[in-house]
Protein backbone atom coordinates (compact mmCIF):
# COMPACT_ATOMS: atom_id res chain seq x y z
CA MET A 1 98.29 81.83 88.44
CA VAL A 2 100.12 80.35 91.45
CA GLY A 3 103.15 82.50 90.60
CA VAL A 4 100.95 85.61 90.59
CA ILE A 5 99.58 84.77 94.01
CA ASN A 6 103.05 84.02 95.41
CA LEU A 7 104.45 87.28 94.06
CA PHE A 8 101.44 89.19 95.39
CA ILE A 9 101.88 87.73 98.88
CA SER A 10 105.60 88.52 98.74
CA VAL A 11 104.84 92.17 97.91
CA LEU A 12 102.26 92.39 100.70
CA LYS A 13 104.66 90.93 103.25
CA THR A 14 107.67 93.06 102.30
CA PRO A 15 106.54 96.14 100.33
CA THR A 16 109.65 98.10 101.29
CA LEU A 17 112.13 95.81 99.55
CA PRO A 18 114.01 97.41 96.67
CA SER A 19 112.58 94.73 94.35
CA ALA A 20 108.96 95.59 95.22
CA GLN A 21 108.62 98.05 92.33
CA SER A 22 109.83 95.50 89.79
CA ASP A 23 107.59 92.85 91.36
CA VAL A 24 104.60 95.15 90.85
CA ALA A 25 105.73 95.71 87.25
CA LEU A 26 105.78 91.93 86.74
CA LEU A 27 102.25 91.69 88.15
CA ASP A 28 101.21 94.40 85.68
CA MET A 29 102.75 92.44 82.82
CA VAL A 30 100.89 89.29 83.84
CA ALA A 31 97.65 91.26 84.09
CA GLY A 32 98.30 92.59 80.58
CA HIS A 33 98.85 89.06 79.30
CA PHE A 34 95.55 87.89 80.75
CA ALA A 35 93.80 90.99 79.39
CA HIS A 36 95.17 90.10 75.95
CA MET A 37 93.85 86.55 76.34
CA GLU A 38 90.44 87.99 77.22
CA PHE A 39 90.52 90.18 74.11
CA VAL A 40 91.63 87.36 71.79
CA THR A 41 88.97 84.97 73.09
CA SER A 42 86.18 87.57 72.87
CA SER A 43 85.84 87.61 76.67
CA GLU A 44 85.38 83.84 76.94
CA LEU A 45 88.48 83.63 79.14
CA ALA A 46 88.41 86.49 81.63
CA PHE A 47 90.74 86.82 84.61
CA PRO A 48 90.01 90.18 86.31
CA PHE A 49 91.69 88.82 89.45
CA THR A 50 95.15 89.49 88.01
CA ARG A 51 94.42 93.18 87.41
CA GLU A 52 92.96 93.57 90.91
CA VAL A 53 96.01 91.91 92.46
CA ALA A 54 98.34 94.24 90.54
CA ILE A 55 96.36 97.30 91.70
CA LEU A 56 96.42 96.14 95.34
CA ALA A 57 100.16 95.44 95.18
CA ARG A 58 100.85 98.85 93.66
CA SER A 59 98.85 100.66 96.35
CA THR A 60 100.58 98.64 99.09
CA VAL A 61 104.03 99.58 97.82
CA LYS A 62 102.98 103.22 97.48
CA LYS A 63 101.65 103.34 101.06
CA ALA A 64 104.80 101.62 102.35
CA LYS A 65 106.97 104.23 100.65
CA GLU A 66 104.89 107.03 102.15
CA ASN A 67 105.09 105.48 105.62
CA SER A 68 108.82 104.83 105.37
CA SER A 69 109.42 108.56 105.20
CA SER A 70 108.11 109.03 108.73
CA VAL A 71 110.07 111.17 111.16
CA ILE A 72 111.90 109.84 114.22
CA VAL A 73 111.69 112.24 117.18
CA PRO A 74 113.49 111.71 120.50
CA THR A 75 111.30 111.42 123.59
CA ASN A 76 111.93 112.44 127.18
CA ARG A 77 113.02 108.94 128.15
CA GLU A 78 116.55 107.77 127.71
CA ASN A 79 117.35 105.93 124.44
CA GLU A 80 113.68 105.72 123.42
CA GLN A 81 112.34 107.16 120.20
CA LEU A 82 108.82 107.83 119.02
CA GLU A 83 107.94 107.36 115.37
CA LEU A 84 105.69 110.09 114.01
CA ASP A 85 103.72 110.45 110.82
CA PRO A 86 105.20 113.59 109.17
CA THR A 87 101.86 114.68 107.70
CA SER A 88 99.89 114.71 110.94
CA LEU A 89 102.54 114.30 113.65
CA VAL A 90 100.52 111.48 115.18
CA PRO A 91 102.43 108.47 116.55
CA VAL A 92 102.51 105.53 114.19
CA SER A 93 101.89 102.64 116.52
CA SER A 94 99.78 100.13 114.60
CA PRO A 95 101.55 96.88 113.75
CA PRO A 96 101.79 95.82 110.11
CA LEU A 97 98.77 93.98 108.77
CA CYS A 98 98.90 90.37 107.72
CA VAL A 99 97.66 89.49 104.23
CA LEU A 100 94.23 88.35 105.43
CA GLU A 101 93.64 91.48 107.52
CA TYR A 102 94.74 93.67 104.59
CA CYS A 103 92.37 91.94 102.18
CA LEU A 104 89.49 92.17 104.67
CA LEU A 105 90.05 95.91 105.03
CA LEU A 106 89.65 96.30 101.29
CA LEU A 107 86.23 94.63 101.21
């Protein structure tokens, strides 16, 4: 379970790494293993946390991919650029969330 948590935190901290997709796949595999254990033990051993972690990691990587395709537009000032969201053309200025802030937003 500690490995799941460490991998989850790693994905939350760096969702744009090339390995993020395979990390999410590993979290899915672990969730499947625990789901199998729940089935075999007639729900005596249930670990829904692993499935929830995999879902959160997947959505984080998906959002990071969507945000990484933002457009860079030059501004009037010299050597300064403004990052824009291509869907709404609104400046993307919010800093990345830490793990605790991200989890609190999901509650």
